[in-house]
Amino acid sequence: MNGNKIQLFEDKRIRTAWDEEKEIWYFSIVDVVGVLTEQATKDGARNYWKVLKSRLIGEGNQSVTNCNQLKLLSADGKRYSTDVADTEQLLRIIQSVPSPKAEPFKMWLAQVGSERLDETIDPELTIDRALQTYLKKGYTREWINQRLQAIQVRKELADEWNNRGVKKGSEYAILTDEITRAWSGMSTRQYKQHKGLKKENLRDNMSTLELVLNMLAEATTTEISKAVIPETFDENKKVANRGGTIAGNARKEIEADTGRPVTSKKNAADFSQLIGDVISEIEEDGK
């Protein structure tokens, strides 16, 4: 657990902690309750949460029962065990707090990094939504075309895995990690760390060449799977490694010819800045 920091909602301090391994934000419940109920003091917020917590536990509320405790920094500079909740748990707790700030707070959670709210719908859900989303973020149409193609390639791979009995969730993640490691030389988590990412979508932060090689790895995995028809998860894992390795060999050849690494530390922010710089240069030339 790391990345403990203060987030601000309407200038009110919310203590949070980032779990690097699980890629989950945890929020101090007493801070959230204090903001929603507009408590004047920390003691007031703690007392409100104490009463609410007791009531919810009595009702058998699993969100409260499953809450964790983390040592968070207090106003006196010391760390104390504090009830925390992830986004999903926090949303359920918020429903039990009568407050006009509930909806704005949900939107704030989305901005912090929730992927379980309507406000943070994954661009992959629809091609049209994806196109508009990426255009607004400042991506070039050339990059967007590759990204949309990558979405289709990923869908075909997911369909193939589904046909082979691979379970969505953890098994998908393991196979994806196998492909990523085989072609890029890094696990998915290492790759995201390489780019300075947390919950952000890795593909949304790839260069065009990175996207192309990732597509090659996933498309090749799909074709190999259709040819060999793996029956067990271990066999699917071997196929994933084979598909990724083929793209990995292509990456090594490119790097040998160019003398530069394919896997870049650049992310979406860098791409948007680059586009902005180019536009500025064009405008300056046109004056």
Protein backbone atom coordinates (compact mmCIF):
# COMPACT_ATOMS: atom_id res chain seq x y z
CA MET A 1 0.00 0.00 0.00
CA ASN A 2 1.38 3.37 -0.95
CA GLY A 3 0.42 6.67 -2.51
CA ASN A 4 -1.31 7.98 0.62
CA LYS A 5 -2.48 11.49 -0.20
CA ILE A 6 -5.09 14.15 0.39
CA GLN A 7 -7.84 14.60 -2.20
CA LEU A 8 -10.02 17.70 -2.18
CA PHE A 9 -13.80 17.76 -2.60
CA GLU A 10 -15.22 21.28 -2.50
CA ASP A 11 -12.07 22.35 -0.63
CA LYS A 12 -12.67 19.65 1.99
CA ARG A 13 -9.84 17.20 2.71
CA ILE A 14 -10.42 13.50 2.00
CA ARG A 15 -7.61 11.16 3.00
CA THR A 16 -6.97 8.40 0.47
CA ALA A 17 -4.57 5.55 -0.10
CA TRP A 18 -3.61 3.82 -3.34
CA ASP A 19 -3.15 0.03 -3.29
CA GLU A 20 -0.50 -0.59 -5.95
CA GLU A 21 -1.05 -4.34 -6.10
CA LYS A 22 -4.85 -4.29 -6.35
CA GLU A 23 -4.94 -0.96 -8.24
CA ILE A 24 -7.68 0.35 -5.93
CA TRP A 25 -8.23 3.69 -4.21
CA TYR A 26 -9.29 3.57 -0.56
CA PHE A 27 -11.06 6.54 1.05
CA SER A 28 -11.31 7.54 4.70
CA ILE A 29 -14.96 6.92 5.55
CA VAL A 30 -15.05 9.38 8.44
CA ASP A 31 -13.74 12.13 6.13
CA VAL A 32 -16.39 11.37 3.54
CA VAL A 33 -19.19 11.22 6.12
CA GLY A 34 -17.97 14.48 7.63
CA VAL A 35 -18.17 16.20 4.26
CA LEU A 36 -21.56 14.78 3.31
CA THR A 37 -23.15 15.65 6.66
CA GLU A 38 -21.28 18.96 6.93
CA GLN A 39 -19.88 18.22 10.37
CA ALA A 40 -18.14 21.19 12.01
CA THR A 41 -15.49 19.04 13.73
CA LYS A 42 -13.67 15.75 13.27
CA ASP A 43 -15.21 14.50 16.51
CA GLY A 44 -18.66 15.19 15.07
CA ALA A 45 -17.79 13.22 11.95
CA ARG A 46 -16.40 10.33 13.99
CA ASN A 47 -19.51 10.18 16.18
CA TYR A 48 -21.81 10.28 13.14
CA TRP A 49 -19.86 7.44 11.49
CA LYS A 50 -19.83 5.44 14.75
CA VAL A 51 -23.62 5.55 14.98
CA LEU A 52 -24.14 4.93 11.26
CA LYS A 53 -21.65 2.06 11.24
CA SER A 54 -23.40 0.38 14.17
CA ARG A 55 -26.77 0.70 12.44
CA LEU A 56 -25.52 -0.63 9.10
CA ILE A 57 -23.79 -3.60 10.74
CA GLY A 58 -27.01 -4.35 12.62
CA GLU A 59 -28.82 -4.36 9.28
CA GLY A 60 -26.28 -6.84 7.91
CA ASN A 61 -24.73 -4.37 5.46
CA GLN A 62 -21.83 -6.28 3.89
CA SER A 63 -20.16 -3.12 2.62
CA VAL A 64 -19.51 -2.03 6.20
CA THR A 65 -18.68 -5.52 7.43
CA ASN A 66 -15.99 -5.87 4.75
CA CYS A 67 -14.41 -2.46 5.30
CA ASN A 68 -10.69 -2.37 5.99
CA GLN A 69 -8.59 -0.25 8.31
CA LEU A 70 -5.43 1.55 7.26
CA LYS A 71 -3.05 3.83 9.15
CA LEU A 72 -3.72 7.27 7.74
CA LEU A 73 -2.06 10.53 8.65
CA SER A 74 -4.04 12.62 11.13
CA ALA A 75 -4.02 16.36 11.79
CA ASP A 76 -1.51 15.90 14.64
CA GLY A 77 1.03 14.41 12.23
CA LYS A 78 0.62 10.84 13.54
CA ARG A 79 -0.88 7.83 11.79
CA TYR A 80 -3.94 6.13 13.26
CA SER A 81 -5.98 3.11 12.18
CA THR A 82 -8.86 4.50 10.15
CA ASP A 83 -11.89 2.83 8.56
CA VAL A 84 -11.51 2.96 4.79
CA ALA A 85 -13.65 1.83 1.86
CA ASP A 86 -13.02 1.23 -1.80
CA THR A 87 -15.18 2.98 -4.38
CA GLU A 88 -17.89 0.32 -4.54
CA GLN A 89 -18.19 0.05 -0.74
CA LEU A 90 -18.21 3.83 -0.40
CA LEU A 91 -21.03 4.22 -2.92
CA ARG A 92 -23.21 1.87 -0.89
CA ILE A 93 -22.43 3.72 2.33
CA ILE A 94 -23.23 7.06 0.68
CA GLN A 95 -26.71 5.74 -0.15
CA SER A 96 -27.35 5.52 3.60
CA VAL A 97 -26.37 9.14 4.24
CA PRO A 98 -29.14 11.69 3.51
CA SER A 99 -27.24 14.53 1.90
CA PRO A 100 -27.70 16.88 -1.06
CA LYS A 101 -23.98 16.43 -1.70
CA ALA A 102 -24.37 12.72 -2.49
CA GLU A 103 -24.65 13.09 -6.28
CA PRO A 104 -21.83 15.66 -6.61
CA PHE A 105 -19.69 13.38 -4.47
CA LYS A 106 -20.35 10.44 -6.79
CA MET A 107 -19.20 12.55 -9.71
CA TRP A 108 -16.10 13.51 -7.74
CA LEU A 109 -15.36 9.83 -7.14
CA ALA A 110 -15.51 9.29 -10.89
CA GLN A 111 -12.93 12.00 -11.42
CA VAL A 112 -10.65 10.48 -8.79
CA GLY A 113 -10.60 7.23 -10.66
CA SER A 114 -13.73 5.14 -10.25
CA GLU A 115 -14.41 2.80 -13.13
CA ARG A 116 -17.71 1.57 -11.75
CA LEU A 117 -19.79 4.69 -12.39
CA ASP A 118 -21.73 5.76 -15.43
CA GLU A 119 -19.58 8.88 -15.61
CA THR A 120 -16.53 6.74 -16.37
CA ILE A 121 -17.94 4.42 -19.03
CA ASP A 122 -15.14 2.58 -20.78
CA PRO A 123 -14.65 4.02 -24.31
CA GLU A 124 -14.53 0.44 -25.60
CA LEU A 125 -18.27 0.02 -24.99
CA THR A 126 -19.16 1.66 -28.28
CA ILE A 127 -17.09 2.72 -31.26
CA ASP A 128 -18.91 6.04 -31.64
CA ARG A 129 -18.42 6.94 -27.99
CA ALA A 130 -14.78 5.94 -28.26
CA LEU A 131 -14.20 8.12 -31.31
CA GLN A 132 -15.69 11.21 -29.67
CA THR A 133 -13.90 10.53 -26.39
CA TYR A 134 -10.49 10.22 -28.00
CA LEU A 135 -11.03 13.25 -30.23
CA LYS A 136 -11.88 15.36 -27.18
CA LYS A 137 -8.72 14.12 -25.47
CA GLY A 138 -6.65 15.45 -28.34
CA TYR A 139 -5.53 12.24 -30.04
CA THR A 140 -4.82 12.29 -33.77
CA ARG A 141 -7.20 10.50 -36.11
CA GLU A 142 -4.35 8.20 -37.16
CA TRP A 143 -3.86 7.10 -33.55
CA ILE A 144 -7.63 6.76 -33.03
CA ASN A 145 -7.93 4.50 -36.07
CA GLN A 146 -5.28 2.19 -34.61
CA ARG A 147 -6.93 2.28 -31.18
CA LEU A 148 -10.35 1.38 -32.56
CA GLN A 149 -8.79 -1.46 -34.53
CA ALA A 150 -7.12 -2.61 -31.31
CA ILE A 151 -10.54 -2.71 -29.65
CA GLN A 152 -11.83 -5.02 -32.37
CA VAL A 153 -8.76 -7.26 -32.11
CA ARG A 154 -9.21 -7.47 -28.34
CA LYS A 155 -12.89 -8.36 -28.74
CA GLU A 156 -12.02 -11.19 -31.13
CA LEU A 157 -9.46 -12.51 -28.64
CA ALA A 158 -12.00 -12.31 -25.80
CA ASP A 159 -14.54 -14.22 -27.90
CA GLU A 160 -11.93 -16.91 -28.58
CA TRP A 161 -11.06 -17.19 -24.89
CA ASN A 162 -14.74 -17.45 -24.07
CA ASN A 163 -15.06 -20.30 -26.58
CA ARG A 164 -12.13 -22.07 -24.88
CA GLY A 165 -13.70 -21.82 -21.43
CA VAL A 166 -11.40 -19.12 -20.08
CA LYS A 167 -13.06 -17.32 -17.16
CA LYS A 168 -13.51 -13.57 -17.32
CA GLY A 169 -11.71 -11.63 -14.66
CA SER A 170 -8.63 -13.20 -13.13
CA GLU A 171 -7.96 -15.71 -15.93
CA TYR A 172 -8.35 -13.03 -18.62
CA ALA A 173 -5.94 -10.87 -16.64
CA ILE A 174 -3.37 -13.67 -16.31
CA LEU A 175 -3.44 -14.43 -20.05
CA THR A 176 -3.27 -10.73 -20.93
CA ASP A 177 -0.28 -10.40 -18.63
CA GLU A 178 1.36 -13.37 -20.36
CA ILE A 179 0.90 -11.76 -23.78
CA THR A 180 2.13 -8.37 -22.59
CA ARG A 181 5.22 -9.80 -20.92
CA ALA A 182 6.09 -11.92 -23.98
CA TRP A 183 5.97 -9.03 -26.46
CA SER A 184 7.07 -6.05 -24.36
CA GLY A 185 9.41 -7.70 -21.84
CA MET A 186 7.29 -6.32 -18.97
CA SER A 187 4.24 -7.47 -17.06
CA THR A 188 1.15 -5.31 -17.44
CA ARG A 189 1.76 -3.73 -14.03
CA GLN A 190 5.42 -3.06 -14.82
CA TYR A 191 4.42 -1.54 -18.15
CA LYS A 192 1.96 0.80 -16.43
CA GLN A 193 4.59 1.76 -13.87
CA HIS A 194 7.00 2.39 -16.74
CA LYS A 195 4.53 4.95 -18.09
CA GLY A 196 3.64 6.39 -14.68
CA LEU A 197 0.06 5.07 -14.77
CA LYS A 198 -2.27 3.80 -12.06
CA LYS A 199 -5.87 2.96 -13.01
CA GLU A 200 -5.60 4.43 -16.50
CA ASN A 201 -6.09 2.12 -19.48
CA LEU A 202 -2.65 1.02 -20.70
CA ARG A 203 -3.66 0.91 -24.37
CA ASP A 204 -4.91 4.50 -24.17
CA ASN A 205 -1.37 5.47 -23.25
CA MET A 206 0.50 3.56 -25.97
CA SER A 207 2.17 5.06 -29.00
CA THR A 208 1.00 3.96 -32.45
CA LEU A 209 3.85 1.44 -32.72
CA GLU A 210 3.15 0.04 -29.26
CA LEU A 211 -0.51 -0.36 -30.20
CA VAL A 212 0.40 -2.13 -33.46
CA LEU A 213 2.67 -4.63 -31.71
CA ASN A 214 0.12 -5.23 -28.98
CA MET A 215 -2.49 -5.87 -31.69
CA LEU A 216 -0.11 -8.25 -33.45
CA ALA A 217 0.39 -10.15 -30.20
CA GLU A 218 -3.33 -10.46 -29.49
CA ALA A 219 -4.35 -11.20 -33.09
CA THR A 220 -1.65 -13.87 -33.35
CA THR A 221 -2.79 -15.42 -30.07
CA THR A 222 -6.32 -15.61 -31.45
CA GLU A 223 -5.21 -17.32 -34.65
CA ILE A 224 -2.95 -19.82 -32.85
CA SER A 225 -5.77 -20.63 -30.43
CA LYS A 226 -8.15 -21.32 -33.32
CA ALA A 227 -5.55 -23.62 -34.88
CA VAL A 228 -4.48 -25.65 -31.83
CA ILE A 229 -7.77 -25.48 -29.85
CA PRO A 230 -6.37 -25.41 -26.28
CA GLU A 231 -8.52 -27.31 -23.78
CA THR A 232 -7.05 -26.29 -20.43
CA PHE A 233 -6.06 -22.98 -18.88
CA ASP A 234 -2.37 -23.96 -18.94
CA GLU A 235 -2.65 -24.70 -22.65
CA ASN A 236 -4.29 -21.29 -23.20
CA LYS A 237 -1.42 -19.72 -21.28
CA LYS A 238 1.13 -21.37 -23.57
CA VAL A 239 -0.77 -20.10 -26.62
CA ALA A 240 -0.80 -16.59 -25.15
CA ASN A 241 2.96 -16.78 -24.68
CA ARG A 242 3.46 -17.96 -28.28
CA GLY A 243 1.35 -15.11 -29.65
CA GLY A 244 3.15 -12.55 -27.54
CA THR A 245 6.58 -13.95 -28.40
CA ILE A 246 5.99 -13.52 -32.14
CA ALA A 247 5.21 -9.83 -31.58
CA GLY A 248 8.15 -9.66 -29.17
CA ASN A 249 10.50 -10.87 -31.88
CA ALA A 250 9.16 -8.15 -34.18
CA ARG A 251 9.81 -5.59 -31.43
CA LYS A 252 13.41 -6.75 -31.04
CA GLU A 253 14.03 -6.49 -34.79
CA ILE A 254 12.62 -2.96 -34.87
CA GLU A 255 14.79 -1.95 -31.93
CA ALA A 256 17.87 -3.50 -33.53
CA ASP A 257 17.30 -1.52 -36.74
CA THR A 258 16.35 1.80 -35.11
CA GLY A 259 18.57 1.66 -32.06
CA ARG A 260 15.63 2.90 -29.96
CA PRO A 261 13.31 1.09 -27.53
CA VAL A 262 9.74 0.55 -28.72
CA THR A 263 8.21 0.61 -25.24
CA SER A 264 8.09 4.30 -24.43
CA LYS A 265 7.57 6.10 -21.13
CA LYS A 266 5.32 8.53 -22.97
CA ASN A 267 1.63 8.44 -22.10
CA ALA A 268 -1.58 10.16 -23.12
CA ALA A 269 -0.55 13.44 -21.50
CA ASP A 270 2.63 13.50 -23.60
CA PHE A 271 0.73 12.69 -26.79
CA SER A 272 -1.76 15.49 -26.15
CA GLN A 273 1.08 17.92 -25.42
CA LEU A 274 2.85 16.90 -28.63
CA ILE A 275 -0.31 17.51 -30.64
CA GLY A 276 -0.74 20.88 -28.96
CA ASP A 277 2.84 21.86 -29.80
CA VAL A 278 2.33 20.94 -33.45
CA ILE A 279 -0.89 22.96 -33.65
CA SER A 280 0.86 25.94 -32.06
CA GLU A 281 3.68 25.74 -34.61
CA ILE A 282 1.20 25.62 -37.50
CA GLU A 283 -0.67 28.62 -36.12
CA GLU A 284 2.57 30.55 -35.70
CA ASP A 285 3.60 29.77 -39.29
CA GLY A 286 0.22 30.93 -40.52
CA LYS A 287 0.46 34.39 -38.96
